[in-house]
Amino acid sequence: MKIVTWNINGVKARLGNLLTWLKASDPDIVCLQEIKSVDDQFPRAEIEALGYHVETHGQKGFNGVAILSKIRFDEVNRGLPGDDGDEQARFIEGVFSTDQGVLRVVSLYLPNGNPIDTEKFSYKLSWMTRLEKWAEQRLLLEEPLLLCGDYNVIPEPIDARNPEAWLDDALFQPESRQAFRRLLNLGFTEAIRAVTDAPDTYTFWDYQAGAWQKNNGIRIDFLLLSPEAANRFASASIEKHVRAWEKPSDHVPVAAELGFEAA
C-alpha cells in the first residue's frame, strides 16, 4: 500500500497537476494539506472519477486538509481535540479496514508560527502539545497509525540547505524542534530518515529567489509511523520531479510503501 502526503498549496489552482500525478504515481491513500477550499467546493468529482473516496476538512481561502483513498473509509474524525475554540481546519483522521485490521491515517497541517514574537508562535506550540497528547492516546490502541503532513518544522540543520537563514524563523526554533522530537520519542518512525541520512533531502522549495533552481530547500513534510505501522514499512521516497512541473506547489509528495492490503 502506497501512502503519500502532499501540501498541494491550493487544490483548485493545482487540480491539473494533482490529477496527472494521481494517474502516474497511483497512490492508495493521499493526505493533502492547504487545500484552501471549503468542503462543498472541493473538486471531488474529478478525483472520484479516478477511483478515490474523498473526505475533507476545509476552510475558505486558507488551511484545509483532505484524505483521498482507494479504500472505503470506516470512520472519519475532523479537528484536533484539546481546544474547542480552535476553528482552523488542520487535522483529519481516516480509519480503514485492512488485511492486518484497523489502519489509522491522519492528514495534518501544523501552524507556521511566524512571526515568533506574536501569538502565532504560541498557537503553533500549543497545537503541537495537543497533537502529542492525542498521539499518546492513539498509541495506546496499538494499531497501525500514520501521521502524515506538513509539520512546518525543520528538525535538524541537515534538513535545510542554509540552516543559518532560518535561525529567526518559527520552523527552526528550539521549541518547535523539541516539540517535534517529543512526538517522535513517543515511538514513531520517521519514514524518510528510516531509509536515508543523505543531505540535500528536501520537500519544500520557496517560489522566491530561484530556490528550486539552486536546490535551496528544506524538509518539513513527514510521514510518522507508529510501531505497528513501522512493522509493515517497506520503503519511502520523495517525488521531487513534481516541483519542476508548470504551476507547481512549493511542496512535493512524500511517499511510504507499507505491507497492507484492503480488507
Protein backbone atom coordinates (compact mmCIF):
# COMPACT_ATOMS: atom_id res chain seq x y z
CA MET A 1 0.00 0.00 0.00
CA LYS A 2 1.35 3.39 -1.02
CA ILE A 3 0.52 6.27 1.33
CA VAL A 4 1.52 9.81 0.39
CA THR A 5 1.49 13.25 2.00
CA TRP A 6 1.43 16.42 -0.13
CA ASN A 7 0.86 20.08 0.67
CA ILE A 8 -0.95 20.96 -2.55
CA ASN A 9 -1.00 24.75 -1.88
CA GLY A 10 -4.49 25.25 -3.31
CA VAL A 11 -6.32 22.28 -4.77
CA LYS A 12 -8.21 24.29 -7.39
CA ALA A 13 -5.05 26.01 -8.62
CA ARG A 14 -3.21 22.66 -8.84
CA LEU A 15 -6.04 20.34 -9.87
CA GLY A 16 -4.49 19.52 -13.23
CA ASN A 17 -1.19 18.62 -11.58
CA LEU A 18 -2.98 16.60 -8.90
CA LEU A 19 -4.94 14.53 -11.43
CA THR A 20 -1.85 13.95 -13.59
CA TRP A 21 0.13 12.89 -10.53
CA LEU A 22 -2.61 10.56 -9.23
CA LYS A 23 -2.66 8.74 -12.56
CA ALA A 24 1.13 8.43 -12.75
CA SER A 25 2.00 7.76 -9.09
CA ASP A 26 -1.07 5.62 -8.35
CA PRO A 27 -1.13 6.04 -4.55
CA ASP A 28 -3.62 4.13 -2.41
CA ILE A 29 -4.09 6.87 0.20
CA VAL A 30 -3.20 10.56 -0.21
CA CYS A 31 -3.08 13.12 2.60
CA LEU A 32 -3.42 16.65 1.25
CA GLN A 33 -2.75 19.87 3.13
CA GLU A 34 -3.51 23.52 2.39
CA ILE A 35 -6.39 22.66 0.10
CA LYS A 36 -7.68 26.26 0.56
CA SER A 37 -11.26 25.19 -0.14
CA VAL A 38 -14.49 24.80 1.76
CA ASP A 39 -15.85 21.26 1.74
CA ASP A 40 -18.67 21.76 -0.76
CA GLN A 41 -16.36 23.40 -3.31
CA PHE A 42 -13.64 20.75 -3.22
CA PRO A 43 -13.28 19.23 -6.73
CA ARG A 44 -14.26 15.76 -5.59
CA ALA A 45 -15.97 14.60 -8.80
CA GLU A 46 -12.76 14.69 -10.85
CA ILE A 47 -10.88 12.80 -8.13
CA GLU A 48 -13.66 10.28 -7.50
CA ALA A 49 -13.63 9.54 -11.24
CA LEU A 50 -10.14 8.11 -10.71
CA GLY A 51 -11.44 5.66 -8.12
CA TYR A 52 -10.85 7.59 -4.90
CA HIS A 53 -13.09 8.19 -1.92
CA VAL A 54 -12.75 11.77 -0.71
CA GLU A 55 -13.05 13.24 2.78
CA THR A 56 -12.23 16.86 3.55
CA HIS A 57 -11.96 19.28 6.45
CA GLY A 58 -11.97 22.57 4.61
CA GLN A 59 -11.81 26.26 5.30
CA LYS A 60 -12.36 29.22 2.99
CA GLY A 61 -9.23 30.71 1.49
CA PHE A 62 -6.53 29.01 3.55
CA ASN A 63 -5.60 25.90 5.56
CA GLY A 64 -7.76 22.83 4.97
CA VAL A 65 -6.84 19.14 4.82
CA ALA A 66 -8.16 16.12 2.94
CA ILE A 67 -7.69 12.38 2.57
CA LEU A 68 -8.17 10.60 -0.77
CA SER A 69 -8.37 6.83 -0.57
CA LYS A 70 -8.99 3.86 -2.85
CA ILE A 71 -10.21 2.07 0.29
CA ARG A 72 -13.57 2.98 1.77
CA PHE A 73 -13.49 4.97 4.99
CA ASP A 74 -14.84 3.18 8.05
CA GLU A 75 -14.69 6.35 10.13
CA VAL A 76 -13.65 10.00 9.75
CA ASN A 77 -12.70 12.38 12.56
CA ARG A 78 -12.21 16.09 11.91
CA GLY A 79 -10.33 18.57 14.07
CA LEU A 80 -7.58 18.07 16.65
CA PRO A 81 -9.08 17.69 20.15
CA GLY A 82 -7.99 19.87 23.03
CA ASP A 83 -9.24 23.35 22.11
CA ASP A 84 -12.94 23.82 21.37
CA GLY A 85 -12.26 27.39 20.26
CA ASP A 86 -9.83 26.41 17.50
CA GLU A 87 -11.64 26.96 14.18
CA GLN A 88 -8.66 26.36 11.90
CA ALA A 89 -9.05 23.30 9.65
CA ARG A 90 -5.75 21.48 10.13
CA PHE A 91 -6.50 17.86 11.07
CA ILE A 92 -8.46 14.92 9.66
CA GLU A 93 -8.22 11.23 10.61
CA GLY A 94 -9.39 8.38 8.41
CA VAL A 95 -9.93 4.82 9.69
CA PHE A 96 -9.72 1.90 7.25
CA SER A 97 -10.04 -1.89 7.29
CA THR A 98 -7.04 -3.86 6.01
CA ASP A 99 -5.87 -7.45 5.99
CA GLN A 100 -3.98 -6.54 9.19
CA GLY A 101 -7.00 -5.00 10.88
CA VAL A 102 -7.56 -1.30 11.52
CA LEU A 103 -5.35 1.31 9.87
CA ARG A 104 -5.49 4.94 11.00
CA VAL A 105 -4.17 7.71 8.74
CA VAL A 106 -4.03 11.39 9.67
CA SER A 107 -3.54 14.36 7.36
CA LEU A 108 -2.29 17.32 9.38
CA TYR A 109 -1.16 20.85 8.62
CA LEU A 110 0.78 22.22 11.54
CA PRO A 111 0.68 26.01 12.11
CA ASN A 112 3.53 28.03 10.62
CA GLY A 113 4.06 30.11 13.76
CA ASN A 114 5.59 33.25 12.28
CA PRO A 115 6.39 35.87 13.44
CA ILE A 116 7.83 34.26 16.56
CA ASP A 117 7.15 37.29 18.77
CA THR A 118 3.38 37.01 18.24
CA GLU A 119 0.54 34.77 19.38
CA LYS A 120 1.01 32.76 16.17
CA PHE A 121 4.09 31.10 17.65
CA SER A 122 2.37 30.25 20.93
CA TYR A 123 -0.54 28.80 18.89
CA LYS A 124 1.95 26.63 16.99
CA LEU A 125 3.47 25.28 20.21
CA SER A 126 0.10 24.68 21.87
CA TRP A 127 -1.11 22.86 18.73
CA MET A 128 1.97 20.63 18.90
CA THR A 129 1.27 19.89 22.56
CA ARG A 130 -2.30 18.92 21.68
CA LEU A 131 -1.01 16.68 18.88
CA GLU A 132 1.41 14.97 21.25
CA LYS A 133 -1.37 14.28 23.77
CA TRP A 134 -3.69 12.99 21.06
CA ALA A 135 -0.99 10.74 19.60
CA GLU A 136 -0.13 9.39 23.04
CA GLN A 137 -3.74 8.27 23.48
CA ARG A 138 -3.99 6.77 19.98
CA LEU A 139 -0.80 4.76 20.51
CA LEU A 140 -2.46 3.02 23.45
CA LEU A 141 -4.75 1.31 20.88
CA GLU A 142 -1.67 -0.49 19.50
CA GLU A 143 -2.96 -0.11 15.94
CA PRO A 144 -1.08 0.92 12.79
CA LEU A 145 -1.16 4.74 12.69
CA LEU A 146 0.42 7.21 10.26
CA LEU A 147 0.69 10.93 11.00
CA CYS A 148 1.20 12.47 7.55
CA GLY A 149 1.57 16.11 6.78
CA ASP A 150 3.28 19.45 6.58
CA TYR A 151 4.72 19.88 10.06
CA ASN A 152 6.26 23.31 9.44
CA VAL A 153 9.29 22.17 11.44
CA ILE A 154 12.90 21.80 10.25
CA PRO A 155 14.06 19.08 12.67
CA GLU A 156 17.84 19.27 12.16
CA PRO A 157 20.38 21.52 10.39
CA ILE A 158 20.81 18.80 7.74
CA ASP A 159 17.16 19.37 6.79
CA ALA A 160 17.90 22.85 5.38
CA ARG A 161 20.30 23.85 2.61
CA ASN A 162 21.11 27.05 4.51
CA PRO A 163 20.16 26.47 8.16
CA GLU A 164 21.56 29.82 9.25
CA ALA A 165 18.91 31.54 7.13
CA TRP A 166 16.20 30.01 9.35
CA LEU A 167 17.57 30.94 12.77
CA ASP A 168 14.86 33.55 13.38
CA ASP A 169 12.07 31.52 11.79
CA ALA A 170 9.41 29.62 13.75
CA LEU A 171 10.16 26.47 11.75
CA PHE A 172 13.66 26.20 13.21
CA GLN A 173 13.20 27.47 16.76
CA PRO A 174 14.46 25.20 19.57
CA GLU A 175 10.91 24.97 20.98
CA SER A 176 9.49 23.79 17.64
CA ARG A 177 12.23 21.24 17.13
CA GLN A 178 11.96 19.96 20.70
CA ALA A 179 8.18 19.53 20.31
CA PHE A 180 8.74 17.51 17.14
CA ARG A 181 11.34 15.39 18.93
CA ARG A 182 8.95 14.72 21.81
CA LEU A 183 6.40 13.47 19.28
CA LEU A 184 8.94 11.14 17.67
CA ASN A 185 10.04 9.91 21.07
CA LEU A 186 6.56 8.54 21.75
CA GLY A 187 7.68 5.71 19.47
CA PHE A 188 7.17 6.96 15.91
CA THR A 189 9.44 6.15 12.97
CA GLU A 190 10.05 8.98 10.51
CA ALA A 191 9.81 7.32 7.09
CA ILE A 192 12.39 9.23 5.03
CA ARG A 193 15.11 9.17 7.67
CA ALA A 194 14.47 5.45 8.10
CA VAL A 195 15.80 4.93 4.57
CA THR A 196 18.37 7.71 4.09
CA ASP A 197 20.53 10.09 6.08
CA ALA A 198 21.68 11.90 2.93
CA PRO A 199 21.97 15.69 2.96
CA ASP A 200 20.14 17.80 0.36
CA THR A 201 16.97 15.78 1.02
CA TYR A 202 14.17 18.34 0.83
CA THR A 203 10.40 18.54 0.35
CA PHE A 204 9.87 22.32 0.00
CA TRP A 205 11.44 24.99 -2.19
CA ASP A 206 10.22 28.58 -1.96
CA TYR A 207 8.91 30.30 -5.09
CA GLN A 208 11.31 33.23 -4.49
CA ALA A 209 14.97 33.81 -5.35
CA GLY A 210 15.34 30.75 -7.57
CA ALA A 211 15.20 28.39 -4.61
CA TRP A 212 14.22 25.39 -6.76
CA GLN A 213 16.91 26.01 -9.36
CA LYS A 214 19.54 26.41 -6.61
CA ASN A 215 18.18 23.44 -4.60
CA ASN A 216 17.79 25.85 -1.69
CA GLY A 217 15.23 23.65 0.05
CA ILE A 218 14.06 22.47 3.44
CA ARG A 219 12.48 19.24 4.67
CA ILE A 220 9.23 19.88 6.55
CA ASP A 221 6.83 17.20 5.23
CA PHE A 222 6.82 13.89 7.09
CA LEU A 223 5.17 10.53 7.50
CA LEU A 224 5.43 9.31 11.09
CA LEU A 225 4.71 5.61 11.65
CA SER A 226 3.56 4.00 14.88
CA PRO A 227 5.41 0.80 15.86
CA GLU A 228 2.60 -1.31 14.38
CA ALA A 229 2.83 0.60 11.08
CA ALA A 230 6.64 0.54 11.12
CA ASN A 231 6.48 -3.26 11.33
CA ARG A 232 4.95 -3.20 7.84
CA PHE A 233 7.19 -0.44 6.46
CA ALA A 234 8.96 -1.28 3.19
CA SER A 235 10.29 1.95 1.65
CA ALA A 236 9.95 5.73 1.40
CA SER A 237 10.67 8.30 -1.29
CA ILE A 238 10.30 11.96 -2.22
CA GLU A 239 8.69 12.60 -5.62
CA LYS A 240 10.85 15.62 -6.28
CA HIS A 241 10.21 15.80 -10.02
CA VAL A 242 6.73 17.25 -9.41
CA ARG A 243 8.31 20.55 -8.29
CA ALA A 244 9.55 21.12 -11.86
CA TRP A 245 6.04 20.98 -13.35
CA GLU A 246 4.25 24.08 -14.57
CA LYS A 247 2.35 25.93 -11.81
CA PRO A 248 3.71 23.62 -9.07
CA SER A 249 3.08 23.60 -5.37
CA ASP A 250 6.14 24.70 -3.40
CA HIS A 251 5.97 21.28 -1.68
CA VAL A 252 6.34 17.84 -3.29
CA PRO A 253 4.74 14.47 -2.48
CA VAL A 254 6.42 12.26 0.13
CA ALA A 255 5.53 8.56 -0.10
CA ALA A 256 5.81 5.42 2.01
CA GLU A 257 5.16 1.83 0.97
CA LEU A 258 3.70 -0.46 3.63
CA GLY A 259 2.68 -4.10 3.63
CA PHE A 260 -1.07 -3.66 3.99
CA GLU A 261 -3.91 -4.63 1.67
CA ALA A 262 -7.52 -3.58 1.71
CA ALA A 263 -9.73 -5.97 3.67
